[in-house]
Amino acid sequence: ELQQKVEEIELLKMELQMLETERVRLSLLEEKFMDVLQLLQQLRDLNISKRALGKILLSALESCRDPQNEKAHLFEVLDTLHHELTACKLLQNQPLGQTQDHRALVNPLLISC
């Protein structure tokens, strides 16, 4: 009976560790998603055309075409979209007083989940 309890505790520890890992992954995904939304908001404020925005989105989706792991693929798409948006000339040509500094927009932390 004691051995069974020890095994149950070990299983619960592993499950807790997996849940914590998933929580961290989701937190990173949420942060990247918020960064992308912020960039989209800035582009909307600059009146970017729907066609140009569509090209940016399609370019990001095209570069992430072969999903091998759905969870990692989602983060890869968001990260690529973030990169495409930060590379947008409208945001780069904007005076510093109107938006955040470009260095603040680029997240140097690339995480593969």
Protein backbone atom coordinates (compact mmCIF):
# COMPACT_ATOMS: atom_id res chain seq x y z
CA GLU A 1 0.00 0.00 0.00
CA LEU A 2 2.85 2.36 0.83
CA GLN A 3 4.52 1.60 -2.50
CA GLN A 4 1.23 2.36 -4.29
CA LYS A 5 1.01 5.74 -2.54
CA VAL A 6 4.60 6.55 -3.54
CA GLU A 7 3.79 5.71 -7.16
CA GLU A 8 0.66 7.89 -7.03
CA ILE A 9 2.70 10.77 -5.64
CA GLU A 10 5.26 10.38 -8.41
CA LEU A 11 2.51 10.39 -11.04
CA LEU A 12 0.98 13.50 -9.49
CA LYS A 13 4.39 15.22 -9.49
CA MET A 14 4.87 14.41 -13.17
CA GLU A 15 1.37 15.66 -13.97
CA LEU A 16 2.00 18.86 -12.03
CA GLN A 17 5.26 19.40 -13.91
CA MET A 18 3.48 18.89 -17.24
CA LEU A 19 0.79 21.37 -16.23
CA GLU A 20 3.40 23.93 -15.23
CA THR A 21 5.19 23.47 -18.54
CA GLU A 22 1.91 23.98 -20.41
CA ARG A 23 1.14 27.08 -18.32
CA VAL A 24 4.51 28.60 -19.24
CA ARG A 25 4.00 27.74 -22.92
CA LEU A 26 0.57 29.36 -22.91
CA SER A 27 1.93 32.42 -21.14
CA LEU A 28 4.62 32.83 -23.81
CA LEU A 29 2.05 32.32 -26.54
CA GLU A 30 -0.20 34.95 -24.98
CA GLU A 31 2.69 37.42 -24.77
CA LYS A 32 3.57 36.89 -28.45
CA PHE A 33 -0.09 37.21 -29.41
CA MET A 34 -0.36 40.51 -27.52
CA ASP A 35 2.77 41.81 -29.29
CA VAL A 36 1.25 40.93 -32.67
CA LEU A 37 -2.04 42.62 -31.76
CA GLN A 38 -0.18 45.74 -30.66
CA LEU A 39 1.66 45.90 -33.99
CA LEU A 40 -1.59 45.39 -35.90
CA GLN A 41 -3.16 48.23 -33.90
CA GLN A 42 -0.24 50.51 -34.77
CA LEU A 43 -0.56 49.64 -38.44
CA ARG A 44 -4.28 50.30 -38.35
CA ASP A 45 -3.57 53.70 -36.82
CA LEU A 46 -1.23 54.35 -39.77
CA ASN A 47 -4.05 53.42 -42.18
CA ILE A 48 -2.23 50.51 -43.80
CA SER A 49 -4.21 49.10 -46.71
CA LYS A 50 -6.06 45.83 -46.30
CA ARG A 51 -4.17 44.50 -49.30
CA ALA A 52 -0.78 45.25 -47.72
CA LEU A 53 -1.87 43.75 -44.42
CA GLY A 54 -3.17 40.68 -46.23
CA LYS A 55 0.17 40.28 -48.00
CA ILE A 56 1.99 40.39 -44.66
CA LEU A 57 -0.34 37.77 -43.19
CA LEU A 58 -0.12 35.48 -46.23
CA SER A 59 3.65 35.79 -46.27
CA ALA A 60 3.82 34.71 -42.62
CA LEU A 61 1.46 31.79 -43.24
CA GLU A 62 3.36 30.69 -46.36
CA SER A 63 6.66 30.55 -44.52
CA CYS A 64 5.13 28.25 -41.87
CA ARG A 65 3.45 25.83 -44.22
CA ASP A 66 4.49 22.42 -42.91
CA PRO A 67 3.06 21.91 -39.40
CA GLN A 68 4.72 19.02 -37.65
CA ASN A 69 3.55 19.84 -34.16
CA GLU A 70 0.38 21.94 -33.88
CA LYS A 71 1.43 23.66 -30.65
CA ALA A 72 4.87 24.57 -31.95
CA HIS A 73 3.35 25.52 -35.32
CA LEU A 74 1.01 28.06 -33.73
CA PHE A 75 3.90 29.75 -31.95
CA GLU A 76 5.97 29.65 -35.16
CA VAL A 77 3.18 31.35 -37.12
CA LEU A 78 2.77 34.05 -34.46
CA ASP A 79 6.51 34.58 -34.26
CA THR A 80 6.81 34.83 -38.05
CA LEU A 81 3.86 37.22 -38.22
CA HIS A 82 5.47 39.31 -35.47
CA HIS A 83 8.71 39.41 -37.46
CA GLU A 84 6.88 40.36 -40.69
CA LEU A 85 4.98 43.15 -38.90
CA THR A 86 8.08 44.59 -37.24
CA ALA A 87 9.77 44.60 -40.64
CA CYS A 88 6.92 46.68 -42.09
CA LYS A 89 8.32 49.87 -43.58
CA LEU A 90 5.43 51.96 -42.24
CA LEU A 91 6.43 51.15 -38.67
CA GLN A 92 10.13 51.64 -39.37
CA ASN A 93 9.60 55.03 -41.02
CA GLN A 94 7.41 56.36 -38.24
CA PRO A 95 8.94 59.07 -36.01
CA LEU A 96 9.88 57.89 -32.53
CA GLY A 97 7.41 60.22 -30.88
CA GLN A 98 4.43 58.46 -32.47
CA THR A 99 5.09 54.88 -31.35
CA GLN A 100 7.37 52.91 -29.15
CA ASP A 101 11.02 52.64 -30.01
CA HIS A 102 11.53 49.90 -32.65
CA ARG A 103 13.84 48.02 -30.28
CA ALA A 104 10.97 47.71 -27.79
CA LEU A 105 8.79 46.12 -30.49
CA VAL A 106 11.21 43.34 -31.30
CA ASN A 107 11.20 40.48 -28.82
CA PRO A 108 14.74 39.07 -28.82
CA LEU A 109 13.56 35.94 -27.05
CA LEU A 110 12.72 33.23 -29.57
CA ILE A 111 11.24 30.23 -27.87
CA SER A 112 10.38 26.93 -29.46
CA CYS A 113 7.80 25.06 -27.46
